[in-house]
Amino acid sequence: MSIDEPSLARLMAAAQRGDRAAYRALLADCRRWLTRYFARRIAPHAVDDLVQETLVSLHRKRATWDSGRAFLPWLAAIARYRWIDMLRRQKDEAELGEGDAAVAAGDEAVNARLSLERLLGLLPAGQAQAITLVKIEGASIAEASRITGQSESLVKVNIHRGLRKLAGLVESE
């Protein structure tokens, strides 16, 4: 099955009504989507654990999804929170003691990712999602349009406006 917004939304709506087969299909599709999502962000050995954590969070939060809203942004938000939690755990584990003079290379990457997430959090959701999909994840404009439910023109406008706002925020710092 294709992992697209309308299909996932239909499966989630059916799952919320108690359709177990739809819920199994939804989890399988979400697993594939999350695996691709995290493969671009973390070390390969950590992908499966983070996918599982995210699916558990999806299970716990499934009642909060509103069928009047898009499913993939909701799932992406859950995934992003689990990813940030994992980065924070890694950062806490990698912190050096007082006597250590070297800075672990992973700390810089963690800080960069957290800074990027913080900056994207300052943008309207549509802009942040369009930038994340196209500029960070490498999706095409057409793919981002399908995922977000926005027209291709709106995806382009959101990217342009979001990048302009990010540039202003970075310059002001």
N, C-alpha and C. Protein backbone atom coordinates (compact mmCIF):
# COMPACT_ATOMS: atom_id res chain seq x y z
N MET A 1 0.84 -1.19 0.00
CA MET A 1 0.00 0.00 0.00
C MET A 1 0.88 1.24 0.00
N SER A 2 0.42 2.25 -0.67
CA SER A 2 1.13 3.53 -0.73
C SER A 2 0.95 4.28 0.58
N ILE A 3 2.03 4.89 1.03
CA ILE A 3 1.96 5.66 2.27
C ILE A 3 1.66 7.10 1.90
N ASP A 4 0.38 7.42 1.82
CA ASP A 4 -0.01 8.78 1.50
C ASP A 4 -1.02 9.28 2.52
N GLU A 5 -1.18 10.57 2.56
CA GLU A 5 -2.03 11.22 3.55
C GLU A 5 -3.45 10.66 3.57
N PRO A 6 -4.15 10.62 2.43
CA PRO A 6 -5.54 10.13 2.48
C PRO A 6 -5.67 8.69 2.98
N SER A 7 -4.74 7.83 2.55
CA SER A 7 -4.81 6.42 2.98
C SER A 7 -4.57 6.30 4.48
N LEU A 8 -3.55 6.99 4.96
CA LEU A 8 -3.26 6.93 6.40
C LEU A 8 -4.40 7.52 7.23
N ALA A 9 -4.97 8.62 6.76
CA ALA A 9 -6.08 9.24 7.49
C ALA A 9 -7.28 8.29 7.55
N ARG A 10 -7.57 7.62 6.42
CA ARG A 10 -8.69 6.66 6.41
C ARG A 10 -8.42 5.51 7.39
N LEU A 11 -7.18 4.99 7.37
CA LEU A 11 -6.84 3.89 8.28
C LEU A 11 -6.96 4.32 9.73
N MET A 12 -6.47 5.53 10.04
CA MET A 12 -6.53 6.01 11.42
C MET A 12 -7.97 6.22 11.86
N ALA A 13 -8.79 6.79 10.98
CA ALA A 13 -10.21 6.98 11.33
C ALA A 13 -10.88 5.64 11.60
N ALA A 14 -10.58 4.65 10.75
CA ALA A 14 -11.16 3.30 10.97
C ALA A 14 -10.62 2.69 12.25
N ALA A 15 -9.34 2.89 12.52
CA ALA A 15 -8.75 2.36 13.75
C ALA A 15 -9.38 2.99 14.98
N GLN A 16 -9.67 4.28 14.91
CA GLN A 16 -10.32 4.94 16.04
C GLN A 16 -11.73 4.41 16.26
N ARG A 17 -12.35 3.89 15.20
CA ARG A 17 -13.68 3.30 15.35
C ARG A 17 -13.62 1.84 15.79
N GLY A 18 -12.39 1.31 16.00
CA GLY A 18 -12.25 -0.05 16.52
C GLY A 18 -11.89 -1.09 15.49
N ASP A 19 -11.58 -0.71 14.26
CA ASP A 19 -11.22 -1.66 13.21
C ASP A 19 -9.78 -2.13 13.43
N ARG A 20 -9.63 -3.36 13.92
CA ARG A 20 -8.30 -3.87 14.25
C ARG A 20 -7.43 -4.08 13.01
N ALA A 21 -8.03 -4.54 11.93
CA ALA A 21 -7.26 -4.77 10.69
C ALA A 21 -6.72 -3.43 10.17
N ALA A 22 -7.54 -2.41 10.23
CA ALA A 22 -7.09 -1.08 9.80
C ALA A 22 -5.97 -0.58 10.69
N TYR A 23 -6.06 -0.86 11.97
CA TYR A 23 -5.01 -0.41 12.90
C TYR A 23 -3.69 -1.13 12.61
N ARG A 24 -3.76 -2.45 12.34
CA ARG A 24 -2.54 -3.19 11.99
C ARG A 24 -1.92 -2.64 10.71
N ALA A 25 -2.77 -2.35 9.72
CA ALA A 25 -2.27 -1.80 8.46
C ALA A 25 -1.67 -0.41 8.69
N LEU A 26 -2.33 0.38 9.52
CA LEU A 26 -1.82 1.72 9.84
C LEU A 26 -0.45 1.63 10.50
N LEU A 27 -0.31 0.75 11.48
CA LEU A 27 0.98 0.61 12.16
C LEU A 27 2.08 0.14 11.21
N ALA A 28 1.74 -0.76 10.29
CA ALA A 28 2.73 -1.24 9.32
C ALA A 28 3.17 -0.10 8.41
N ASP A 29 2.21 0.69 7.93
CA ASP A 29 2.55 1.83 7.06
C ASP A 29 3.34 2.88 7.83
N CYS A 30 2.94 3.13 9.06
CA CYS A 30 3.65 4.11 9.89
C CYS A 30 5.07 3.63 10.17
N ARG A 31 5.23 2.34 10.39
CA ARG A 31 6.57 1.78 10.63
C ARG A 31 7.47 2.07 9.42
N ARG A 32 6.97 1.82 8.21
CA ARG A 32 7.77 2.09 7.00
C ARG A 32 8.10 3.58 6.90
N TRP A 33 7.11 4.44 7.13
CA TRP A 33 7.32 5.88 7.02
C TRP A 33 8.33 6.35 8.07
N LEU A 34 8.16 5.88 9.30
CA LEU A 34 9.06 6.28 10.39
C LEU A 34 10.49 5.79 10.16
N THR A 35 10.62 4.60 9.61
CA THR A 35 11.95 4.07 9.34
C THR A 35 12.68 4.99 8.36
N ARG A 36 12.00 5.42 7.31
CA ARG A 36 12.61 6.36 6.36
C ARG A 36 12.88 7.71 7.02
N TYR A 37 11.94 8.17 7.84
CA TYR A 37 12.08 9.46 8.51
C TYR A 37 13.31 9.48 9.41
N PHE A 38 13.49 8.44 10.23
CA PHE A 38 14.60 8.40 11.18
C PHE A 38 15.92 8.01 10.52
N ALA A 39 15.88 7.28 9.42
CA ALA A 39 17.11 6.85 8.75
C ALA A 39 17.95 8.04 8.31
N ARG A 40 17.30 9.17 8.06
CA ARG A 40 18.01 10.38 7.64
C ARG A 40 18.53 11.18 8.83
N ARG A 41 18.17 10.79 10.03
CA ARG A 41 18.46 11.61 11.20
C ARG A 41 19.37 10.99 12.24
N ILE A 42 19.38 9.66 12.29
CA ILE A 42 20.13 9.02 13.38
C ILE A 42 20.94 7.85 12.84
N ALA A 43 21.79 7.33 13.69
CA ALA A 43 22.63 6.18 13.33
C ALA A 43 21.74 4.97 13.04
N PRO A 44 22.12 4.18 12.05
CA PRO A 44 21.30 3.03 11.65
C PRO A 44 20.96 2.07 12.79
N HIS A 45 21.88 1.88 13.75
CA HIS A 45 21.61 0.93 14.83
C HIS A 45 20.51 1.41 15.78
N ALA A 46 20.18 2.69 15.76
CA ALA A 46 19.18 3.23 16.68
C ALA A 46 17.80 3.40 16.05
N VAL A 47 17.69 3.17 14.75
CA VAL A 47 16.43 3.43 14.05
C VAL A 47 15.29 2.57 14.58
N ASP A 48 15.51 1.27 14.70
CA ASP A 48 14.42 0.37 15.12
C ASP A 48 13.88 0.74 16.50
N ASP A 49 14.77 1.05 17.43
CA ASP A 49 14.31 1.41 18.78
C ASP A 49 13.47 2.68 18.75
N LEU A 50 13.92 3.66 17.97
CA LEU A 50 13.19 4.92 17.91
C LEU A 50 11.86 4.76 17.18
N VAL A 51 11.82 3.91 16.17
CA VAL A 51 10.55 3.62 15.49
C VAL A 51 9.59 2.99 16.49
N GLN A 52 10.06 2.03 17.28
CA GLN A 52 9.21 1.37 18.27
C GLN A 52 8.69 2.38 19.31
N GLU A 53 9.58 3.23 19.81
CA GLU A 53 9.15 4.24 20.78
C GLU A 53 8.07 5.14 20.20
N THR A 54 8.25 5.50 18.94
CA THR A 54 7.28 6.39 18.29
C THR A 54 5.95 5.67 18.08
N LEU A 55 5.99 4.41 17.70
CA LEU A 55 4.74 3.66 17.53
C LEU A 55 4.01 3.50 18.86
N VAL A 56 4.75 3.32 19.94
CA VAL A 56 4.12 3.25 21.27
C VAL A 56 3.46 4.60 21.59
N SER A 57 4.15 5.69 21.28
CA SER A 57 3.57 7.02 21.52
C SER A 57 2.34 7.23 20.65
N LEU A 58 2.39 6.78 19.39
CA LEU A 58 1.23 6.88 18.51
C LEU A 58 0.06 6.12 19.13
N HIS A 59 0.34 4.93 19.64
CA HIS A 59 -0.71 4.11 20.26
C HIS A 59 -1.33 4.85 21.46
N ARG A 60 -0.47 5.43 22.30
CA ARG A 60 -0.97 6.14 23.48
C ARG A 60 -1.75 7.39 23.13
N LYS A 61 -1.35 8.06 22.04
CA LYS A 61 -1.95 9.35 21.67
C LYS A 61 -3.00 9.22 20.57
N ARG A 62 -3.33 8.00 20.15
CA ARG A 62 -4.21 7.83 19.00
C ARG A 62 -5.57 8.51 19.16
N ALA A 63 -6.04 8.62 20.37
CA ALA A 63 -7.34 9.25 20.60
C ALA A 63 -7.29 10.77 20.42
N THR A 64 -6.08 11.33 20.41
CA THR A 64 -5.97 12.79 20.27
C THR A 64 -5.99 13.25 18.82
N TRP A 65 -5.85 12.31 17.87
CA TRP A 65 -5.86 12.71 16.47
C TRP A 65 -7.27 13.12 16.06
N ASP A 66 -7.39 14.25 15.42
CA ASP A 66 -8.67 14.80 14.95
C ASP A 66 -8.81 14.47 13.47
N SER A 67 -9.85 13.75 13.11
CA SER A 67 -10.04 13.33 11.72
C SER A 67 -10.24 14.51 10.77
N GLY A 68 -10.48 15.68 11.31
CA GLY A 68 -10.61 16.87 10.47
C GLY A 68 -9.26 17.48 10.10
N ARG A 69 -8.19 16.91 10.63
CA ARG A 69 -6.84 17.43 10.36
C ARG A 69 -6.00 16.36 9.67
N ALA A 70 -4.92 16.78 9.07
CA ALA A 70 -4.04 15.85 8.36
C ALA A 70 -3.36 14.90 9.34
N PHE A 71 -3.14 13.66 8.90
CA PHE A 71 -2.53 12.65 9.75
C PHE A 71 -1.01 12.76 9.80
N LEU A 72 -0.37 12.90 8.64
CA LEU A 72 1.10 12.88 8.60
C LEU A 72 1.75 13.98 9.44
N PRO A 73 1.25 15.20 9.44
CA PRO A 73 1.86 16.20 10.33
C PRO A 73 1.73 15.80 11.80
N TRP A 74 0.63 15.19 12.15
CA TRP A 74 0.43 14.71 13.52
C TRP A 74 1.46 13.64 13.85
N LEU A 75 1.63 12.68 12.93
CA LEU A 75 2.62 11.61 13.13
C LEU A 75 4.03 12.20 13.16
N ALA A 76 4.31 13.13 12.26
CA ALA A 76 5.64 13.74 12.21
C ALA A 76 5.95 14.49 13.51
N ALA A 77 4.95 15.11 14.10
CA ALA A 77 5.17 15.81 15.37
C ALA A 77 5.54 14.82 16.47
N ILE A 78 4.84 13.70 16.52
CA ILE A 78 5.16 12.67 17.51
C ILE A 78 6.58 12.16 17.27
N ALA A 79 6.90 11.90 16.01
CA ALA A 79 8.24 11.40 15.67
C ALA A 79 9.31 12.41 16.05
N ARG A 80 9.04 13.67 15.78
CA ARG A 80 10.01 14.71 16.11
C ARG A 80 10.23 14.77 17.61
N TYR A 81 9.18 14.68 18.41
CA TYR A 81 9.34 14.71 19.87
C TYR A 81 10.14 13.50 20.37
N ARG A 82 9.88 12.32 19.81
CA ARG A 82 10.65 11.13 20.22
C ARG A 82 12.11 11.28 19.81
N TRP A 83 12.35 11.85 18.63
CA TRP A 83 13.71 12.05 18.14
C TRP A 83 14.46 13.03 19.05
N ILE A 84 13.80 14.13 19.42
CA ILE A 84 14.43 15.11 20.30
C ILE A 84 14.71 14.49 21.67
N ASP A 85 13.77 13.70 22.17
CA ASP A 85 14.00 13.01 23.45
C ASP A 85 15.25 12.12 23.36
N MET A 86 15.38 11.40 22.23
CA MET A 86 16.54 10.53 22.06
C MET A 86 17.83 11.36 22.00
N LEU A 87 17.80 12.48 21.28
CA LEU A 87 18.99 13.34 21.21
C LEU A 87 19.36 13.88 22.59
N ARG A 88 18.37 14.24 23.36
CA ARG A 88 18.65 14.72 24.72
C ARG A 88 19.25 13.63 25.59
N ARG A 89 18.71 12.41 25.46
CA ARG A 89 19.29 11.30 26.22
C ARG A 89 20.74 11.07 25.83
N GLN A 90 21.01 11.11 24.53
CA GLN A 90 22.39 10.93 24.06
C GLN A 90 23.29 12.04 24.58
N LYS A 91 22.77 13.26 24.59
CA LYS A 91 23.56 14.39 25.07
C LYS A 91 23.87 14.21 26.55
N ASP A 92 22.86 13.81 27.32
CA ASP A 92 23.07 13.60 28.76
C ASP A 92 24.09 12.49 29.00
N GLU A 93 24.04 11.44 28.20
CA GLU A 93 24.98 10.33 28.35
C GLU A 93 26.39 10.73 27.95
N ALA A 94 26.50 11.68 27.02
CA ALA A 94 27.80 12.06 26.48
C ALA A 94 28.45 13.23 27.22
N GLU A 95 27.75 13.79 28.21
CA GLU A 95 28.33 14.93 28.92
C GLU A 95 29.63 14.54 29.58
N LEU A 96 30.57 15.44 29.53
CA LEU A 96 31.90 15.17 30.06
C LEU A 96 32.00 15.65 31.50
N GLY A 97 32.91 15.04 32.23
CA GLY A 97 33.17 15.46 33.60
C GLY A 97 34.02 16.72 33.64
N GLU A 98 34.24 17.28 34.81
CA GLU A 98 35.01 18.51 34.95
C GLU A 98 36.43 18.37 34.44
N GLY A 99 37.04 17.21 34.61
CA GLY A 99 38.42 17.01 34.20
C GLY A 99 38.60 16.77 32.71
N ASP A 100 37.52 16.57 31.99
CA ASP A 100 37.62 16.28 30.56
C ASP A 100 37.71 17.57 29.77
N ALA A 101 38.75 17.68 28.94
CA ALA A 101 38.95 18.90 28.16
C ALA A 101 38.38 18.78 26.76
N ALA A 102 38.26 17.57 26.25
CA ALA A 102 37.81 17.37 24.87
C ALA A 102 36.29 17.45 24.78
N VAL A 103 35.82 17.88 23.64
CA VAL A 103 34.38 17.92 23.37
C VAL A 103 34.07 16.78 22.43
N ALA A 104 33.12 15.96 22.79
CA ALA A 104 32.75 14.84 21.94
C ALA A 104 32.14 15.36 20.65
N ALA A 105 32.49 14.73 19.53
CA ALA A 105 31.99 15.17 18.23
C ALA A 105 30.47 15.04 18.16
N GLY A 106 29.91 14.05 18.84
CA GLY A 106 28.47 13.86 18.83
C GLY A 106 27.72 15.00 19.49
N ASP A 107 28.35 15.67 20.47
CA ASP A 107 27.69 16.78 21.15
C ASP A 107 27.38 17.92 20.18
N GLU A 108 28.30 18.19 19.28
CA GLU A 108 28.08 19.27 18.32
C GLU A 108 26.90 18.94 17.41
N ALA A 109 26.82 17.69 16.98
CA ALA A 109 25.71 17.28 16.13
C ALA A 109 24.39 17.36 16.88
N VAL A 110 24.40 16.93 18.13
CA VAL A 110 23.18 17.00 18.94
C VAL A 110 22.74 18.45 19.11
N ASN A 111 23.68 19.31 19.45
CA ASN A 111 23.34 20.73 19.62
C ASN A 111 22.83 21.35 18.32
N ALA A 112 23.44 20.99 17.20
CA ALA A 112 23.00 21.52 15.91
C ALA A 112 21.58 21.07 15.61
N ARG A 113 21.29 19.80 15.87
CA ARG A 113 19.93 19.29 15.62
C ARG A 113 18.91 19.97 16.52
N LEU A 114 19.26 20.13 17.79
CA LEU A 114 18.34 20.79 18.72
C LEU A 114 18.12 22.25 18.33
N SER A 115 19.18 22.92 17.88
CA SER A 115 19.06 24.32 17.44
C SER A 115 18.16 24.42 16.22
N LEU A 116 18.33 23.51 15.28
CA LEU A 116 17.48 23.50 14.09
C LEU A 116 16.03 23.28 14.47
N GLU A 117 15.78 22.32 15.34
CA GLU A 117 14.40 22.06 15.77
C GLU A 117 13.82 23.28 16.49
N ARG A 118 14.64 23.95 17.31
CA ARG A 118 14.19 25.14 18.01
C ARG A 118 13.81 26.23 17.01
N LEU A 119 14.65 26.45 16.00
CA LEU A 119 14.36 27.46 14.99
C LEU A 119 13.10 27.12 14.20
N LEU A 120 12.98 25.86 13.78
CA LEU A 120 11.79 25.46 13.03
C LEU A 120 10.53 25.59 13.88
N GLY A 121 10.68 25.43 15.17
CA GLY A 121 9.55 25.59 16.08
C GLY A 121 9.03 27.02 16.15
N LEU A 122 9.83 27.97 15.71
CA LEU A 122 9.42 29.38 15.72
C LEU A 122 8.61 29.74 14.47
N LEU A 123 8.58 28.85 13.50
CA LEU A 123 7.85 29.10 12.26
C LEU A 123 6.43 28.57 12.37
N PRO A 124 5.52 29.11 11.54
CA PRO A 124 4.20 28.49 11.45
C PRO A 124 4.35 27.03 10.99
N ALA A 125 3.45 26.19 11.41
CA ALA A 125 3.56 24.75 11.17
C ALA A 125 3.71 24.42 9.69
N GLY A 126 2.96 25.05 8.82
CA GLY A 126 3.03 24.78 7.39
C GLY A 126 4.39 25.08 6.81
N GLN A 127 4.98 26.18 7.25
CA GLN A 127 6.31 26.56 6.76
C GLN A 127 7.36 25.58 7.27
N ALA A 128 7.30 25.27 8.55
CA ALA A 128 8.28 24.34 9.13
C ALA A 128 8.19 22.97 8.47
N GLN A 129 6.99 22.51 8.23
CA GLN A 129 6.81 21.19 7.63
C GLN A 129 7.32 21.18 6.19
N ALA A 130 7.02 22.22 5.42
CA ALA A 130 7.47 22.29 4.03
C ALA A 130 9.00 22.33 3.97
N ILE A 131 9.63 23.12 4.82
CA ILE A 131 11.09 23.20 4.84
C ILE A 131 11.69 21.86 5.24
N THR A 132 11.12 21.25 6.26
CA THR A 132 11.64 19.95 6.73
C THR A 132 11.55 18.91 5.62
N LEU A 133 10.41 18.82 4.98
CA LEU A 133 10.23 17.80 3.95
C LEU A 133 11.14 18.02 2.75
N VAL A 134 11.18 19.25 2.24
CA VAL A 134 11.90 19.51 0.99
C VAL A 134 13.38 19.77 1.21
N LYS A 135 13.71 20.64 2.15
CA LYS A 135 15.10 21.06 2.30
C LYS A 135 15.92 20.13 3.20
N ILE A 136 15.28 19.47 4.15
CA ILE A 136 16.02 18.62 5.08
C ILE A 136 15.91 17.14 4.68
N GLU A 137 14.69 16.69 4.40
CA GLU A 137 14.49 15.28 4.06
C GLU A 137 14.70 14.99 2.58
N GLY A 138 14.71 16.02 1.74
CA GLY A 138 14.98 15.81 0.32
C GLY A 138 13.77 15.39 -0.50
N ALA A 139 12.58 15.61 0.01
CA ALA A 139 11.38 15.28 -0.76
C ALA A 139 11.20 16.30 -1.89
N SER A 140 10.55 15.88 -2.94
CA SER A 140 10.25 16.82 -4.03
C SER A 140 9.07 17.70 -3.60
N ILE A 141 8.86 18.76 -4.36
CA ILE A 141 7.72 19.64 -4.09
C ILE A 141 6.42 18.84 -4.20
N ALA A 142 6.33 17.98 -5.23
CA ALA A 142 5.12 17.18 -5.43
C ALA A 142 4.89 16.23 -4.25
N GLU A 143 5.97 15.59 -3.77
CA GLU A 143 5.83 14.68 -2.62
C GLU A 143 5.41 15.46 -1.38
N ALA A 144 6.02 16.61 -1.15
CA ALA A 144 5.66 17.44 0.01
C ALA A 144 4.21 17.88 -0.09
N SER A 145 3.77 18.17 -1.29
CA SER A 145 2.37 18.58 -1.50
C SER A 145 1.43 17.45 -1.11
N ARG A 146 1.75 16.23 -1.55
CA ARG A 146 0.90 15.07 -1.21
C ARG A 146 0.90 14.81 0.29
N ILE A 147 2.06 14.89 0.92
CA ILE A 147 2.18 14.59 2.35
C ILE A 147 1.43 15.62 3.19
N THR A 148 1.59 16.90 2.84
CA THR A 148 1.01 17.96 3.66
C THR A 148 -0.43 18.28 3.32
N GLY A 149 -0.85 17.91 2.12
CA GLY A 149 -2.19 18.29 1.69
C GLY A 149 -2.24 19.72 1.17
N GLN A 150 -1.08 20.37 1.04
CA GLN A 150 -1.00 21.72 0.49
C GLN A 150 -0.79 21.62 -1.01
N SER A 151 -1.19 22.67 -1.74
CA SER A 151 -0.89 22.70 -3.17
C SER A 151 0.61 22.87 -3.36
N GLU A 152 1.10 22.51 -4.54
CA GLU A 152 2.53 22.66 -4.81
C GLU A 152 2.94 24.12 -4.69
N SER A 153 2.09 25.02 -5.15
CA SER A 153 2.39 26.45 -5.05
C SER A 153 2.52 26.88 -3.60
N LEU A 154 1.62 26.40 -2.75
CA LEU A 154 1.67 26.77 -1.35
C LEU A 154 2.92 26.20 -0.67
N VAL A 155 3.32 25.00 -1.06
CA VAL A 155 4.55 24.42 -0.51
C VAL A 155 5.73 25.34 -0.85
N LYS A 156 5.81 25.79 -2.10
CA LYS A 156 6.89 26.68 -2.52
C LYS A 156 6.86 28.00 -1.75
N VAL A 157 5.67 28.55 -1.60
CA VAL A 157 5.53 29.82 -0.87
C VAL A 157 5.93 29.63 0.59
N ASN A 158 5.49 28.53 1.20
CA ASN A 158 5.84 28.27 2.60
C ASN A 158 7.34 28.10 2.78
N ILE A 159 7.99 27.44 1.84
CA ILE A 159 9.44 27.29 1.91
C ILE A 159 10.11 28.66 1.82
N HIS A 160 9.71 29.44 0.83
CA HIS A 160 10.31 30.76 0.64
C HIS A 160 10.13 31.65 1.87
N ARG A 161 8.90 31.74 2.34
CA ARG A 161 8.63 32.60 3.50
C ARG A 161 9.32 32.09 4.76
N GLY A 162 9.31 30.77 4.94
CA GLY A 162 9.94 30.19 6.11
C GLY A 162 11.45 30.41 6.12
N LEU A 163 12.09 30.21 4.98
CA LEU A 163 13.54 30.42 4.90
C LEU A 163 13.89 31.89 5.13
N ARG A 164 13.05 32.78 4.58
CA ARG A 164 13.28 34.21 4.79
C ARG A 164 13.16 34.55 6.27
N LYS A 165 12.16 33.99 6.95
CA LYS A 165 11.98 34.25 8.37
C LYS A 165 13.14 33.65 9.18
N LEU A 166 13.57 32.44 8.82
CA LEU A 166 14.70 31.82 9.51
C LEU A 166 15.96 32.67 9.36
N ALA A 167 16.18 33.17 8.15
CA ALA A 167 17.36 34.02 7.91
C ALA A 167 17.29 35.26 8.81
N GLY A 168 16.11 35.85 8.93
CA GLY A 168 15.95 37.00 9.81
C GLY A 168 16.20 36.67 11.26
N LEU A 169 15.73 35.50 11.69
CA LEU A 169 15.95 35.09 13.07
C LEU A 169 17.43 34.86 13.35
N VAL A 170 18.12 34.22 12.42
CA VAL A 170 19.54 33.93 12.62
C VAL A 170 20.34 35.24 12.62
N GLU A 171 20.00 36.14 11.70
CA GLU A 171 20.71 37.43 11.64
C GLU A 171 20.50 38.25 12.90
N SER A 172 19.31 38.17 13.48
CA SER A 172 19.03 38.97 14.68
C SER A 172 19.78 38.45 15.90
N GLU A 173 20.17 37.19 15.86
CA GLU A 173 20.93 36.61 16.97
C GLU A 173 22.36 37.09 16.89
